[in-house]
Amino acid sequence: AALARLVVEAAVEALASGGRFALGLSGGSLVELLSRELPPALRAAPGADPSRWLVAFCDERLVPP
Protein backbone atom coordinates (compact mmCIF):
# COMPACT_ATOMS: atom_id res chain seq x y z
CA ALA A 1 0.00 0.00 0.00
CA ALA A 2 2.90 2.36 0.77
CA LEU A 3 4.39 1.81 -2.68
CA ALA A 4 1.04 2.52 -4.34
CA ARG A 5 0.74 5.75 -2.37
CA LEU A 6 4.25 6.79 -3.47
CA VAL A 7 3.37 6.11 -7.12
CA VAL A 8 0.15 8.14 -6.83
CA GLU A 9 1.96 11.02 -5.09
CA ALA A 10 4.55 11.09 -7.89
CA ALA A 11 1.75 11.05 -10.48
CA VAL A 12 -0.09 13.94 -8.80
CA GLU A 13 3.13 15.97 -8.72
CA ALA A 14 3.93 15.28 -12.38
CA LEU A 15 0.40 16.00 -13.56
CA ALA A 16 0.12 19.21 -11.52
CA SER A 17 2.82 20.73 -13.69
CA GLY A 18 0.79 19.97 -16.82
CA GLY A 19 2.88 17.00 -17.87
CA ARG A 20 2.30 13.29 -18.06
CA PHE A 21 3.29 10.60 -15.63
CA ALA A 22 5.40 7.68 -16.85
CA LEU A 23 5.64 4.42 -14.94
CA GLY A 24 7.88 1.52 -15.95
CA LEU A 25 7.02 -1.89 -14.50
CA SER A 26 9.46 -4.77 -14.63
CA GLY A 27 6.92 -7.52 -14.03
CA GLY A 28 6.95 -10.24 -11.43
CA SER A 29 5.32 -9.58 -8.09
CA LEU A 30 5.46 -5.80 -8.60
CA VAL A 31 2.67 -5.86 -11.19
CA GLU A 32 0.51 -8.08 -9.00
CA LEU A 33 1.10 -5.88 -5.97
CA LEU A 34 0.27 -2.64 -7.77
CA SER A 35 -2.78 -4.13 -9.49
CA ARG A 36 -4.16 -4.81 -6.03
CA GLU A 37 -3.00 -1.67 -4.19
CA LEU A 38 -3.13 1.04 -6.85
CA PRO A 39 -6.94 1.31 -7.34
CA PRO A 40 -7.65 2.27 -3.70
CA ALA A 41 -4.72 4.71 -3.72
CA LEU A 42 -6.07 6.31 -6.92
CA ARG A 43 -9.56 6.69 -5.44
CA ALA A 44 -8.01 8.60 -2.55
CA ALA A 45 -6.22 11.06 -4.88
CA PRO A 46 -8.46 12.44 -7.66
CA GLY A 47 -5.59 14.55 -9.05
CA ALA A 48 -3.73 11.40 -10.13
CA ASP A 49 -5.83 11.06 -13.36
CA PRO A 50 -4.61 7.68 -14.75
CA SER A 51 -5.82 8.64 -18.24
CA ARG A 52 -2.70 10.86 -18.42
CA TRP A 53 -0.27 8.09 -17.44
CA LEU A 54 2.13 6.26 -19.71
CA VAL A 55 2.64 2.73 -18.36
CA ALA A 56 5.39 0.63 -19.90
CA PHE A 57 6.41 -2.93 -19.18
CA CYS A 58 10.18 -3.36 -19.01
CA ASP A 59 12.63 -6.22 -18.68
CA GLU A 60 15.76 -5.13 -16.84
CA ARG A 61 17.56 -8.26 -18.05
CA LEU A 62 17.74 -6.82 -21.56
CA VAL A 63 19.89 -3.78 -20.80
CA PRO A 64 23.57 -3.58 -19.85
CA PRO A 65 24.40 -3.25 -16.14
PDB file of N, CA and C in Angstrom:
ATOM      1  N   ALA A   1       0.827  -1.191   0.000  1.00  0.00           N
ATOM      2  CA  ALA A   1       0.000   0.000   0.000  1.00  0.00           C
ATOM      3  C   ALA A   1       0.875   1.259   0.000  1.00  0.00           C
ATOM      4  N   ALA A   2       2.002   1.195   0.714  1.00  0.00           N
ATOM      5  CA  ALA A   2       2.896   2.357   0.774  1.00  0.00           C
ATOM      6  C   ALA A   2       3.489   2.651  -0.602  1.00  0.00           C
ATOM      7  N   LEU A   3       3.850   1.612  -1.341  1.00  0.00           N
ATOM      8  CA  LEU A   3       4.393   1.805  -2.684  1.00  0.00           C
ATOM      9  C   LEU A   3       3.345   2.429  -3.597  1.00  0.00           C
ATOM     10  N   ALA A   4       2.111   1.958  -3.518  1.00  0.00           N
ATOM     11  CA  ALA A   4       1.040   2.518  -4.344  1.00  0.00           C
ATOM     12  C   ALA A   4       0.835   3.991  -4.023  1.00  0.00           C
ATOM     13  N   ARG A   5       0.878   4.341  -2.752  1.00  0.00           N
ATOM     14  CA  ARG A   5       0.735   5.752  -2.375  1.00  0.00           C
ATOM     15  C   ARG A   5       1.885   6.585  -2.934  1.00  0.00           C
ATOM     16  N   LEU A   6       3.107   6.064  -2.909  1.00  0.00           N
ATOM     17  CA  LEU A   6       4.248   6.789  -3.474  1.00  0.00           C
ATOM     18  C   LEU A   6       4.076   7.012  -4.977  1.00  0.00           C
ATOM     19  N   VAL A   7       3.604   5.991  -5.672  1.00  0.00           N
ATOM     20  CA  VAL A   7       3.370   6.111  -7.119  1.00  0.00           C
ATOM     21  C   VAL A   7       2.325   7.187  -7.387  1.00  0.00           C
ATOM     22  N   VAL A   8       1.227   7.159  -6.638  1.00  0.00           N
ATOM     23  CA  VAL A   8       0.153   8.136  -6.832  1.00  0.00           C
ATOM     24  C   VAL A   8       0.644   9.545  -6.501  1.00  0.00           C
ATOM     25  N   GLU A   9       1.420   9.693  -5.443  1.00  0.00           N
ATOM     26  CA  GLU A   9       1.962  11.015  -5.095  1.00  0.00           C
ATOM     27  C   GLU A   9       2.855  11.544  -6.211  1.00  0.00           C
ATOM     28  N   ALA A  10       3.689  10.671  -6.789  1.00  0.00           N
ATOM     29  CA  ALA A  10       4.548  11.092  -7.894  1.00  0.00           C
ATOM     30  C   ALA A  10       3.708  11.478  -9.108  1.00  0.00           C
ATOM     31  N   ALA A  11       2.630  10.740  -9.360  1.00  0.00           N
ATOM     32  CA  ALA A  11       1.748  11.054 -10.483  1.00  0.00           C
ATOM     33  C   ALA A  11       1.080  12.405 -10.285  1.00  0.00           C
ATOM     34  N   VAL A  12       0.563  12.660  -9.094  1.00  0.00           N
ATOM     35  CA  VAL A  12      -0.092  13.941  -8.803  1.00  0.00           C
ATOM     36  C   VAL A  12       0.886  15.086  -9.029  1.00  0.00           C
ATOM     37  N   GLU A  13       2.114  14.918  -8.560  1.00  0.00           N
ATOM     38  CA  GLU A  13       3.130  15.969  -8.720  1.00  0.00           C
ATOM     39  C   GLU A  13       3.437  16.216 -10.197  1.00  0.00           C
ATOM     40  N   ALA A  14       3.615  15.133 -10.959  1.00  0.00           N
ATOM     41  CA  ALA A  14       3.930  15.280 -12.384  1.00  0.00           C
ATOM     42  C   ALA A  14       2.774  15.917 -13.143  1.00  0.00           C
ATOM     43  N   LEU A  15       1.566  15.497 -12.840  1.00  0.00           N
ATOM     44  CA  LEU A  15       0.405  16.004 -13.564  1.00  0.00           C
ATOM     45  C   LEU A  15       0.060  17.432 -13.180  1.00  0.00           C
ATOM     46  N   ALA A  16       0.394  17.836 -11.969  1.00  0.00           N
ATOM     47  CA  ALA A  16       0.118  19.207 -11.522  1.00  0.00           C
ATOM     48  C   ALA A  16       0.892  20.228 -12.344  1.00  0.00           C
ATOM     49  N   SER A  17       2.020  19.812 -12.884  1.00  0.00           N
ATOM     50  CA  SER A  17       2.820  20.728 -13.694  1.00  0.00           C
ATOM     51  C   SER A  17       2.392  20.714 -15.159  1.00  0.00           C
ATOM     52  N   GLY A  18       1.303  20.001 -15.456  1.00  0.00           N
ATOM     53  CA  GLY A  18       0.785  19.974 -16.820  1.00  0.00           C
ATOM     54  C   GLY A  18       1.393  18.891 -17.683  1.00  0.00           C
ATOM     55  N   GLY A  19       2.240  18.057 -17.096  1.00  0.00           N
ATOM     56  CA  GLY A  19       2.884  16.998 -17.869  1.00  0.00           C
ATOM     57  C   GLY A  19       2.127  15.693 -17.817  1.00  0.00           C
ATOM     58  N   ARG A  20       2.835  14.644 -18.145  1.00  0.00           N
ATOM     59  CA  ARG A  20       2.304  13.292 -18.056  1.00  0.00           C
ATOM     60  C   ARG A  20       3.089  12.567 -16.988  1.00  0.00           C
ATOM     61  N   PHE A  21       2.602  11.429 -16.595  1.00  0.00           N
ATOM     62  CA  PHE A  21       3.293  10.597 -15.626  1.00  0.00           C
ATOM     63  C   PHE A  21       3.664   9.299 -16.313  1.00  0.00           C
ATOM     64  N   ALA A  22       4.931   8.922 -16.249  1.00  0.00           N
ATOM     65  CA  ALA A  22       5.402   7.681 -16.854  1.00  0.00           C
ATOM     66  C   ALA A  22       5.803   6.707 -15.756  1.00  0.00           C
ATOM     67  N   LEU A  23       5.363   5.470 -15.919  1.00  0.00           N
ATOM     68  CA  LEU A  23       5.644   4.424 -14.939  1.00  0.00           C
ATOM     69  C   LEU A  23       6.130   3.193 -15.682  1.00  0.00           C
ATOM     70  N   GLY A  24       7.336   2.733 -15.357  1.00  0.00           N
ATOM     71  CA  GLY A  24       7.878   1.520 -15.945  1.00  0.00           C
ATOM     72  C   GLY A  24       7.783   0.377 -14.953  1.00  0.00           C
ATOM     73  N   LEU A  25       7.190  -0.729 -15.367  1.00  0.00           N
ATOM     74  CA  LEU A  25       7.023  -1.890 -14.504  1.00  0.00           C
ATOM     75  C   LEU A  25       7.837  -3.047 -15.048  1.00  0.00           C
ATOM     76  N   SER A  26       8.582  -3.692 -14.172  1.00  0.00           N
ATOM     77  CA  SER A  26       9.457  -4.771 -14.627  1.00  0.00           C
ATOM     78  C   SER A  26       8.822  -6.145 -14.522  1.00  0.00           C
ATOM     79  N   GLY A  27       7.600  -6.232 -14.079  1.00  0.00           N
ATOM     80  CA  GLY A  27       6.920  -7.521 -14.031  1.00  0.00           C
ATOM     81  C   GLY A  27       7.071  -8.195 -12.676  1.00  0.00           C
ATOM     82  N   GLY A  28       6.844  -9.493 -12.672  1.00  0.00           N
ATOM     83  CA  GLY A  28       6.951 -10.245 -11.432  1.00  0.00           C
ATOM     84  C   GLY A  28       5.904  -9.838 -10.418  1.00  0.00           C
ATOM     85  N   SER A  29       6.276  -9.866  -9.167  1.00  0.00           N
ATOM     86  CA  SER A  29       5.324  -9.580  -8.092  1.00  0.00           C
ATOM     87  C   SER A  29       4.946  -8.102  -8.033  1.00  0.00           C
ATOM     88  N   LEU A  30       5.756  -7.237  -8.618  1.00  0.00           N
ATOM     89  CA  LEU A  30       5.460  -5.800  -8.599  1.00  0.00           C
ATOM     90  C   LEU A  30       4.137  -5.497  -9.297  1.00  0.00           C
ATOM     91  N   VAL A  31       3.910  -6.101 -10.441  1.00  0.00           N
ATOM     92  CA  VAL A  31       2.672  -5.859 -11.188  1.00  0.00           C
ATOM     93  C   VAL A  31       1.479  -6.358 -10.389  1.00  0.00           C
ATOM     94  N   GLU A  32       1.609  -7.531  -9.808  1.00  0.00           N
ATOM     95  CA  GLU A  32       0.509  -8.083  -9.003  1.00  0.00           C
ATOM     96  C   GLU A  32       0.215  -7.184  -7.805  1.00  0.00           C
ATOM     97  N   LEU A  33       1.259  -6.739  -7.135  1.00  0.00           N
ATOM     98  CA  LEU A  33       1.098  -5.882  -5.966  1.00  0.00           C
ATOM     99  C   LEU A  33       0.397  -4.579  -6.339  1.00  0.00           C
ATOM    100  N   LEU A  34       0.871  -3.923  -7.387  1.00  0.00           N
ATOM    101  CA  LEU A  34       0.270  -2.640  -7.773  1.00  0.00           C
ATOM    102  C   LEU A  34      -1.142  -2.816  -8.319  1.00  0.00           C
ATOM    103  N   SER A  35      -1.421  -3.934  -8.985  1.00  0.00           N
ATOM    104  CA  SER A  35      -2.783  -4.135  -9.488  1.00  0.00           C
ATOM    105  C   SER A  35      -3.776  -4.253  -8.341  1.00  0.00           C
ATOM    106  N   ARG A  36      -3.304  -4.692  -7.204  1.00  0.00           N
ATOM    107  CA  ARG A  36      -4.162  -4.814  -6.027  1.00  0.00           C
ATOM    108  C   ARG A  36      -4.228  -3.507  -5.225  1.00  0.00           C
ATOM    109  N   GLU A  37      -3.090  -2.827  -5.084  1.00  0.00           N
ATOM    110  CA  GLU A  37      -2.999  -1.674  -4.192  1.00  0.00           C
ATOM    111  C   GLU A  37      -3.218  -0.321  -4.864  1.00  0.00           C
ATOM    112  N   LEU A  38      -3.025  -0.241  -6.171  1.00  0.00           N
ATOM    113  CA  LEU A  38      -3.134   1.044  -6.850  1.00  0.00           C
ATOM    114  C   LEU A  38      -4.572   1.576  -6.947  1.00  0.00           C
ATOM    115  N   PRO A  39      -5.576   0.754  -7.249  1.00  0.00           N
ATOM    116  CA  PRO A  39      -6.935   1.306  -7.344  1.00  0.00           C
ATOM    117  C   PRO A  39      -7.404   2.047  -6.088  1.00  0.00           C
ATOM    118  N   PRO A  40      -7.231   1.495  -4.876  1.00  0.00           N
ATOM    119  CA  PRO A  40      -7.654   2.270  -3.705  1.00  0.00           C
ATOM    120  C   PRO A  40      -6.845   3.558  -3.529  1.00  0.00           C
ATOM    121  N   ALA A  41      -5.555   3.506  -3.846  1.00  0.00           N
ATOM    122  CA  ALA A  41      -4.719   4.714  -3.723  1.00  0.00           C
ATOM    123  C   ALA A  41      -5.173   5.783  -4.719  1.00  0.00           C
ATOM    124  N   LEU A  42      -5.578   5.358  -5.913  1.00  0.00           N
ATOM    125  CA  LEU A  42      -6.069   6.307  -6.925  1.00  0.00           C
ATOM    126  C   LEU A  42      -7.394   6.931  -6.505  1.00  0.00           C
ATOM    127  N   ARG A  43      -8.267   6.142  -5.903  1.00  0.00           N
ATOM    128  CA  ARG A  43      -9.556   6.686  -5.444  1.00  0.00           C
ATOM    129  C   ARG A  43      -9.353   7.762  -4.379  1.00  0.00           C
ATOM    130  N   ALA A  44      -8.281   7.640  -3.618  1.00  0.00           N
ATOM    131  CA  ALA A  44      -8.008   8.604  -2.550  1.00  0.00           C
ATOM    132  C   ALA A  44      -7.346   9.880  -3.068  1.00  0.00           C
ATOM    133  N   ALA A  45      -6.937   9.890  -4.330  1.00  0.00           N
ATOM    134  CA  ALA A  45      -6.224  11.058  -4.880  1.00  0.00           C
ATOM    135  C   ALA A  45      -6.767  11.387  -6.269  1.00  0.00           C
ATOM    136  N   PRO A  46      -7.857  12.141  -6.359  1.00  0.00           N
ATOM    137  CA  PRO A  46      -8.462  12.438  -7.662  1.00  0.00           C
ATOM    138  C   PRO A  46      -7.528  13.147  -8.639  1.00  0.00           C
ATOM    139  N   GLY A  47      -6.507  13.847  -8.159  1.00  0.00           N
ATOM    140  CA  GLY A  47      -5.587  14.552  -9.046  1.00  0.00           C
ATOM    141  C   GLY A  47      -4.608  13.639  -9.771  1.00  0.00           C
ATOM    142  N   ALA A  48      -4.685  12.334  -9.525  1.00  0.00           N
ATOM    143  CA  ALA A  48      -3.733  11.399 -10.128  1.00  0.00           C
ATOM    144  C   ALA A  48      -4.103  11.028 -11.569  1.00  0.00           C
ATOM    145  N   ASP A  49      -5.315  11.272 -12.003  1.00  0.00           N
ATOM    146  CA  ASP A  49      -5.829  11.057 -13.362  1.00  0.00           C
ATOM    147  C   ASP A  49      -5.064  10.015 -14.191  1.00  0.00           C
ATOM    148  N   PRO A  50      -5.353   8.722 -14.025  1.00  0.00           N
ATOM    149  CA  PRO A  50      -4.613   7.681 -14.748  1.00  0.00           C
ATOM    150  C   PRO A  50      -4.755   7.746 -16.267  1.00  0.00           C
ATOM    151  N   SER A  51      -5.699   8.510 -16.784  1.00  0.00           N
ATOM    152  CA  SER A  51      -5.816   8.637 -18.240  1.00  0.00           C
ATOM    153  C   SER A  51      -4.635   9.423 -18.820  1.00  0.00           C
ATOM    154  N   ARG A  52      -3.867  10.091 -17.964  1.00  0.00           N
ATOM    155  CA  ARG A  52      -2.696  10.860 -18.420  1.00  0.00           C
ATOM    156  C   ARG A  52      -1.393  10.153 -18.075  1.00  0.00           C
ATOM    157  N   TRP A  53      -1.461   8.878 -17.760  1.00  0.00           N
ATOM    158  CA  TRP A  53      -0.271   8.086 -17.439  1.00  0.00           C
ATOM    159  C   TRP A  53       0.226   7.351 -18.678  1.00  0.00           C
ATOM    160  N   LEU A  54       1.516   7.162 -18.737  1.00  0.00           N
ATOM    161  CA  LEU A  54       2.127   6.263 -19.711  1.00  0.00           C
ATOM    162  C   LEU A  54       2.703   5.110 -18.899  1.00  0.00           C
ATOM    163  N   VAL A  55       2.167   3.912 -19.093  1.00  0.00           N
ATOM    164  CA  VAL A  55       2.640   2.734 -18.361  1.00  0.00           C
ATOM    165  C   VAL A  55       3.353   1.832 -19.349  1.00  0.00           C
ATOM    166  N   ALA A  56       4.589   1.476 -19.025  1.00  0.00           N
ATOM    167  CA  ALA A  56       5.394   0.628 -19.903  1.00  0.00           C
ATOM    168  C   ALA A  56       5.868  -0.588 -19.125  1.00  0.00           C
ATOM    169  N   PHE A  57       5.886  -1.713 -19.792  1.00  0.00           N
ATOM    170  CA  PHE A  57       6.410  -2.926 -19.183  1.00  0.00           C
ATOM    171  C   PHE A  57       7.842  -3.104 -19.667  1.00  0.00           C
ATOM    172  N   CYS A  58       8.747  -3.325 -18.727  1.00  0.00           N
ATOM    173  CA  CYS A  58      10.178  -3.359 -19.006  1.00  0.00           C
ATOM    174  C   CYS A  58      10.763  -4.696 -18.566  1.00  0.00           C
ATOM    175  N   ASP A  59      11.892  -5.039 -19.131  1.00  0.00           N
ATOM    176  CA  ASP A  59      12.634  -6.217 -18.683  1.00  0.00           C
ATOM    177  C   ASP A  59      14.073  -5.793 -18.451  1.00  0.00           C
ATOM    178  N   GLU A  60      14.422  -5.630 -17.197  1.00  0.00           N
ATOM    179  CA  GLU A  60      15.755  -5.130 -16.844  1.00  0.00           C
ATOM    180  C   GLU A  60      16.861  -6.088 -17.262  1.00  0.00           C
ATOM    181  N   ARG A  61      16.536  -7.311 -17.614  1.00  0.00           N
ATOM    182  CA  ARG A  61      17.561  -8.264 -18.046  1.00  0.00           C
ATOM    183  C   ARG A  61      18.073  -7.955 -19.452  1.00  0.00           C
ATOM    184  N   LEU A  62      17.388  -7.089 -20.172  1.00  0.00           N
ATOM    185  CA  LEU A  62      17.745  -6.816 -21.560  1.00  0.00           C
ATOM    186  C   LEU A  62      18.591  -5.566 -21.766  1.00  0.00           C
ATOM    187  N   VAL A  63      19.043  -4.973 -20.688  1.00  0.00           N
ATOM    188  CA  VAL A  63      19.885  -3.780 -20.795  1.00  0.00           C
ATOM    189  C   VAL A  63      21.213  -4.039 -20.093  1.00  0.00           C
ATOM    190  N   PRO A  64      22.280  -3.376 -20.516  1.00  0.00           N
ATOM    191  CA  PRO A  64      23.568  -3.575 -19.851  1.00  0.00           C
ATOM    192  C   PRO A  64      23.518  -3.107 -18.397  1.00  0.00           C
ATOM    193  N   PRO A  65      24.370  -3.677 -17.538  1.00  0.00           N
ATOM    194  CA  PRO A  65      24.398  -3.248 -16.140  1.00  0.00           C
ATOM    195  C   PRO A  65      24.680  -1.770 -16.038  1.00  0.00           C
TER     196      PRO A  65
END
